[in-house]
Amino acid sequence: MSDERSHKFSEGTGFDDPYEGFDLDPPELEVNPEEVDPVDSRVVTDLLDQQSIPRDKVSVGDLIEVGLSYTRINRFEEATETFERAARFADDGSREEQEAWTNKGVAHAELEEWDEAISAYRESIHIDDDSEHAATAETNLAYALWESGRTEQALEHSERAVEIDQRFPQAWFNRGFFLLERGLVEDAVNCFDNAIRLGFRNAHVIEEKARALEELGEDEEAERLAEEAKEMRKEAEEELVQE
């Protein structure tokens, strides 16, 4: 999803240099291009299963990078499959296992598969409920719960995300959005301000803050922010056209 949405993939760690781990072309994964479409994204993951490659022969970090590569070209179904395999190959309780489950949840969310996303986020949180990825998973889980109609749980998990990492701007934005929906407008404005101060400034955030200020009767500032958000959207559209 775009940066305006409340959930995000991990940044990844990049491939090894020199690149010695998981490779798209190791001997055990060689295929006949006359028999297999080279664009078929399932080839790599299917061959991993078919060959029963030992766990110590797979770089989980590189497999996560493959999943992230799929997300960059909006191939989210393939991404979910790759992240799940990364989680299965990762050491139990490891940071990589947690990262893989979190990213799998985001990929499902991109497909609006909310139940699958929620399950993946809960897997991630179960591994370590106080880590960097836990904050991301809690934030993403809150959004998925909201989308599936479980609004009370959504607010609880957004608050948990802020408790874990007070410098995570998306968590503050989520919390502000859910508070605003419940009519706790002043608290919502404070959350939006925190998100903006931490660098999460886009049209969607500005629009939500404008909506909150309007409910507080601060019409002039709300109108100014609404115009600012409109300009931000216009600039973003122009950049897309230029690309």
Protein backbone atom coordinates (compact mmCIF):
# COMPACT_ATOMS: atom_id res chain seq x y z
CA MET A 1 0.00 0.00 0.00
CA SER A 2 1.05 3.60 -0.26
CA ASP A 3 2.76 5.41 2.58
CA GLU A 4 -0.59 6.90 3.51
CA ARG A 5 -1.82 3.56 4.76
CA SER A 6 -1.18 2.52 8.31
CA HIS A 7 0.79 -0.65 7.79
CA LYS A 8 4.24 -1.08 6.36
CA PHE A 9 6.75 -3.71 5.32
CA SER A 10 10.13 -3.98 7.01
CA GLU A 11 13.08 -2.29 5.36
CA GLY A 12 14.95 -5.56 4.80
CA THR A 13 18.71 -5.87 5.22
CA GLY A 14 19.81 -6.17 1.62
CA PHE A 15 21.56 -9.13 0.03
CA ASP A 16 24.92 -10.34 1.29
CA ASP A 17 28.09 -8.81 -0.18
CA PRO A 18 29.61 -10.93 -1.51
CA TYR A 19 26.31 -12.62 -2.22
CA GLU A 20 26.77 -16.13 -0.83
CA GLY A 21 23.38 -17.01 0.60
CA PHE A 22 20.09 -17.78 -1.07
CA ASP A 23 20.39 -17.33 -4.82
CA LEU A 24 17.78 -17.36 -7.56
CA ASP A 25 20.12 -19.54 -9.64
CA PRO A 26 21.88 -22.10 -7.42
CA PRO A 27 22.48 -25.52 -9.07
CA GLU A 28 19.72 -27.19 -7.08
CA LEU A 29 17.20 -24.70 -8.46
CA GLU A 30 18.16 -24.91 -12.12
CA VAL A 31 15.17 -25.11 -14.45
CA ASN A 32 14.68 -25.66 -18.15
CA PRO A 33 13.44 -22.33 -19.57
CA GLU A 34 11.68 -24.23 -22.34
CA GLU A 35 9.53 -25.98 -19.74
CA VAL A 36 9.08 -23.18 -17.20
CA ASP A 37 7.99 -19.62 -17.78
CA PRO A 38 10.90 -17.51 -16.44
CA VAL A 39 8.39 -14.97 -15.15
CA ASP A 40 6.54 -17.61 -13.12
CA SER A 41 7.07 -16.33 -9.58
CA ARG A 42 6.18 -19.67 -7.98
CA VAL A 43 9.15 -21.49 -9.50
CA VAL A 44 11.62 -20.59 -6.76
CA THR A 45 9.35 -21.36 -3.83
CA ASP A 46 7.98 -24.55 -5.38
CA LEU A 47 11.48 -25.83 -6.05
CA LEU A 48 12.51 -25.10 -2.48
CA ASP A 49 9.78 -27.47 -1.35
CA GLN A 50 10.42 -30.07 -4.05
CA GLN A 51 14.13 -30.28 -3.36
CA SER A 52 13.67 -30.35 0.43
CA ILE A 53 16.67 -28.09 0.76
CA PRO A 54 18.18 -28.27 4.25
CA ARG A 55 17.47 -25.33 6.52
CA ASP A 56 21.16 -24.42 6.81
CA LYS A 57 21.44 -24.08 3.02
CA VAL A 58 18.94 -21.24 2.84
CA SER A 59 19.64 -17.62 3.80
CA VAL A 60 16.41 -16.51 5.41
CA GLY A 61 17.42 -12.87 5.10
CA ASP A 62 17.84 -13.23 1.35
CA LEU A 63 14.52 -15.05 1.10
CA ILE A 64 12.88 -12.13 2.90
CA GLU A 65 14.49 -9.81 0.35
CA VAL A 66 12.90 -11.86 -2.43
CA GLY A 67 9.52 -11.37 -0.76
CA LEU A 68 10.12 -7.64 -0.45
CA SER A 69 11.06 -7.54 -4.13
CA TYR A 70 7.70 -9.07 -4.97
CA THR A 71 5.94 -6.38 -2.94
CA ARG A 72 7.74 -3.61 -4.82
CA ILE A 73 6.16 -4.82 -8.04
CA ASN A 74 2.77 -5.40 -6.39
CA ARG A 75 2.90 -9.20 -6.60
CA PHE A 76 1.49 -9.67 -3.14
CA GLU A 77 0.21 -13.22 -3.47
CA GLU A 78 3.70 -14.41 -4.35
CA ALA A 79 5.06 -12.30 -1.51
CA THR A 80 2.84 -14.05 1.06
CA GLU A 81 4.12 -17.42 -0.10
CA THR A 82 7.75 -16.32 0.04
CA PHE A 83 7.45 -14.74 3.49
CA GLU A 84 5.78 -17.87 4.84
CA ARG A 85 8.66 -19.99 3.58
CA ALA A 86 11.10 -17.54 5.14
CA ALA A 87 9.31 -17.92 8.46
CA ARG A 88 9.42 -21.73 8.19
CA PHE A 89 13.14 -21.77 7.38
CA ALA A 90 14.02 -19.25 10.11
CA ASP A 91 15.23 -20.34 13.53
CA ASP A 92 12.40 -20.57 16.02
CA GLY A 93 11.98 -17.32 17.93
CA SER A 94 14.47 -15.43 15.78
CA ARG A 95 14.25 -11.83 14.61
CA GLU A 96 14.04 -13.09 11.03
CA GLU A 97 11.10 -15.34 11.82
CA GLN A 98 9.27 -12.40 13.36
CA GLU A 99 10.12 -10.12 10.42
CA ALA A 100 8.87 -12.73 7.95
CA TRP A 101 5.52 -13.15 9.73
CA THR A 102 5.05 -9.37 9.97
CA ASN A 103 5.73 -8.90 6.27
CA LYS A 104 3.43 -11.80 5.42
CA GLY A 105 0.68 -9.99 7.29
CA VAL A 106 1.27 -6.80 5.34
CA ALA A 107 1.19 -8.66 2.03
CA HIS A 108 -2.16 -10.21 3.00
CA ALA A 109 -3.40 -6.74 4.01
CA GLU A 110 -2.47 -5.42 0.59
CA LEU A 111 -4.80 -8.11 -0.80
CA GLU A 112 -7.43 -7.14 1.81
CA GLU A 113 -7.22 -10.65 3.24
CA TRP A 114 -7.80 -9.39 6.76
CA ASP A 115 -8.18 -12.69 8.62
CA GLU A 116 -4.93 -14.02 7.14
CA ALA A 117 -3.20 -10.73 7.94
CA ILE A 118 -4.41 -10.83 11.55
CA SER A 119 -3.18 -14.39 11.98
CA ALA A 120 0.27 -13.52 10.62
CA TYR A 121 0.60 -10.45 12.86
CA ARG A 122 -0.38 -12.51 15.91
CA GLU A 123 2.29 -15.08 14.98
CA SER A 124 4.84 -12.28 14.89
CA ILE A 125 3.80 -10.80 18.24
CA HIS A 126 3.81 -14.25 19.85
CA ILE A 127 7.52 -14.59 19.03
CA ASP A 128 8.53 -11.40 20.85
CA ASP A 129 5.97 -8.90 22.12
CA ASP A 130 8.46 -6.14 22.92
CA SER A 131 10.68 -5.79 19.85
CA GLU A 132 10.95 -3.43 16.88
CA HIS A 133 8.93 -5.80 14.74
CA ALA A 134 6.38 -6.22 17.53
CA ALA A 135 5.62 -2.49 17.37
CA THR A 136 5.12 -2.73 13.62
CA ALA A 137 3.02 -5.89 13.97
CA GLU A 138 0.84 -4.31 16.68
CA THR A 139 0.28 -1.23 14.51
CA ASN A 140 -0.55 -3.30 11.46
CA LEU A 141 -2.73 -5.63 13.52
CA ALA A 142 -4.71 -2.65 14.80
CA TYR A 143 -5.44 -1.54 11.24
CA ALA A 144 -6.43 -5.05 10.13
CA LEU A 145 -8.75 -5.43 13.12
CA TRP A 146 -10.36 -2.10 12.29
CA GLU A 147 -10.92 -3.17 8.69
CA SER A 148 -12.52 -6.40 9.87
CA GLY A 149 -14.91 -4.53 12.18
CA ARG A 150 -13.21 -5.24 15.52
CA THR A 151 -12.84 -1.59 16.52
CA GLU A 152 -12.37 -2.04 20.28
CA GLN A 153 -9.48 -4.44 19.75
CA ALA A 154 -8.02 -2.09 17.14
CA LEU A 155 -7.65 0.74 19.67
CA GLU A 156 -6.14 -1.61 22.26
CA HIS A 157 -3.44 -2.78 19.85
CA SER A 158 -2.69 0.72 18.60
CA GLU A 159 -2.07 1.77 22.21
CA ARG A 160 0.14 -1.25 22.74
CA ALA A 161 2.20 -0.26 19.69
CA VAL A 162 2.84 3.19 21.16
CA GLU A 163 3.83 1.62 24.47
CA ILE A 164 6.41 -0.57 22.73
CA ASP A 165 7.94 2.20 20.60
CA GLN A 166 7.05 5.82 21.32
CA ARG A 167 9.09 6.94 18.32
CA PHE A 168 7.08 4.95 15.79
CA PRO A 169 5.01 7.57 13.91
CA GLN A 170 2.59 5.16 12.23
CA ALA A 171 1.59 3.88 15.66
CA TRP A 172 0.74 7.42 16.79
CA PHE A 173 -1.26 8.04 13.63
CA ASN A 174 -3.25 4.82 14.07
CA ARG A 175 -4.00 5.65 17.67
CA GLY A 176 -5.10 9.16 16.69
CA PHE A 177 -7.39 7.85 13.98
CA PHE A 178 -9.10 5.35 16.29
CA LEU A 179 -9.48 7.95 19.06
CA LEU A 180 -11.01 10.42 16.61
CA GLU A 181 -13.51 7.78 15.49
CA ARG A 182 -14.54 7.38 19.13
CA GLY A 183 -14.97 11.13 19.61
CA LEU A 184 -11.84 11.67 21.73
CA VAL A 185 -10.83 14.58 19.54
CA GLU A 186 -8.23 16.42 21.64
CA ASP A 187 -6.33 13.22 22.33
CA ALA A 188 -6.49 12.42 18.62
CA VAL A 189 -4.94 15.79 17.71
CA ASN A 190 -2.07 15.14 20.11
CA CYS A 191 -1.45 11.78 18.45
CA PHE A 192 -1.46 13.31 14.97
CA ASP A 193 0.99 15.98 16.15
CA ASN A 194 3.30 13.28 17.50
CA ALA A 195 3.15 11.39 14.19
CA ILE A 196 3.97 14.56 12.25
CA ARG A 197 6.84 15.50 14.57
CA LEU A 198 8.29 12.02 14.04
CA GLY A 199 8.29 12.51 10.27
CA PHE A 200 5.01 10.89 9.23
CA ARG A 201 3.67 13.83 7.25
CA ASN A 202 1.50 13.15 4.23
CA ALA A 203 -1.86 14.24 2.86
CA HIS A 204 -3.80 11.59 4.75
CA VAL A 205 -2.34 12.55 8.13
CA ILE A 206 -2.92 16.25 7.49
CA GLU A 207 -6.52 15.58 6.40
CA GLU A 208 -7.25 13.61 9.57
CA LYS A 209 -5.82 16.37 11.74
CA ALA A 210 -7.91 18.92 9.82
CA ARG A 211 -11.01 16.78 10.45
CA ALA A 212 -10.24 16.70 14.17
CA LEU A 213 -9.67 20.46 14.37
CA GLU A 214 -12.94 21.08 12.57
CA GLU A 215 -14.74 19.04 15.22
CA LEU A 216 -13.04 21.18 17.87
CA GLY A 217 -14.35 24.32 16.18
CA GLU A 218 -10.93 25.48 14.97
CA ASP A 219 -12.29 26.10 11.50
CA GLU A 220 -9.60 28.46 10.23
CA GLU A 221 -6.72 26.10 11.01
CA ALA A 222 -8.71 23.12 9.78
CA GLU A 223 -9.31 24.88 6.45
CA ARG A 224 -5.63 25.76 6.14
CA LEU A 225 -4.61 22.16 6.71
CA ALA A 226 -7.22 20.89 4.27
CA GLU A 227 -5.74 23.15 1.59
CA GLU A 228 -2.24 21.95 2.47
CA ALA A 229 -3.34 18.33 2.09
CA LYS A 230 -4.95 19.15 -1.24
CA GLU A 231 -1.69 20.66 -2.49
CA MET A 232 0.27 17.65 -1.28
CA ARG A 233 -2.00 15.33 -3.23
CA LYS A 234 -1.69 17.50 -6.33
CA GLU A 235 2.11 17.47 -6.10
CA ALA A 236 2.14 13.69 -5.62
CA GLU A 237 -0.04 13.21 -8.71
CA GLU A 238 2.24 15.46 -10.76
CA GLU A 239 5.28 13.46 -9.67
CA LEU A 240 3.57 10.24 -10.75
CA VAL A 241 2.82 11.74 -14.17
CA GLN A 242 6.44 12.82 -14.58
CA GLU A 243 7.67 9.34 -13.70
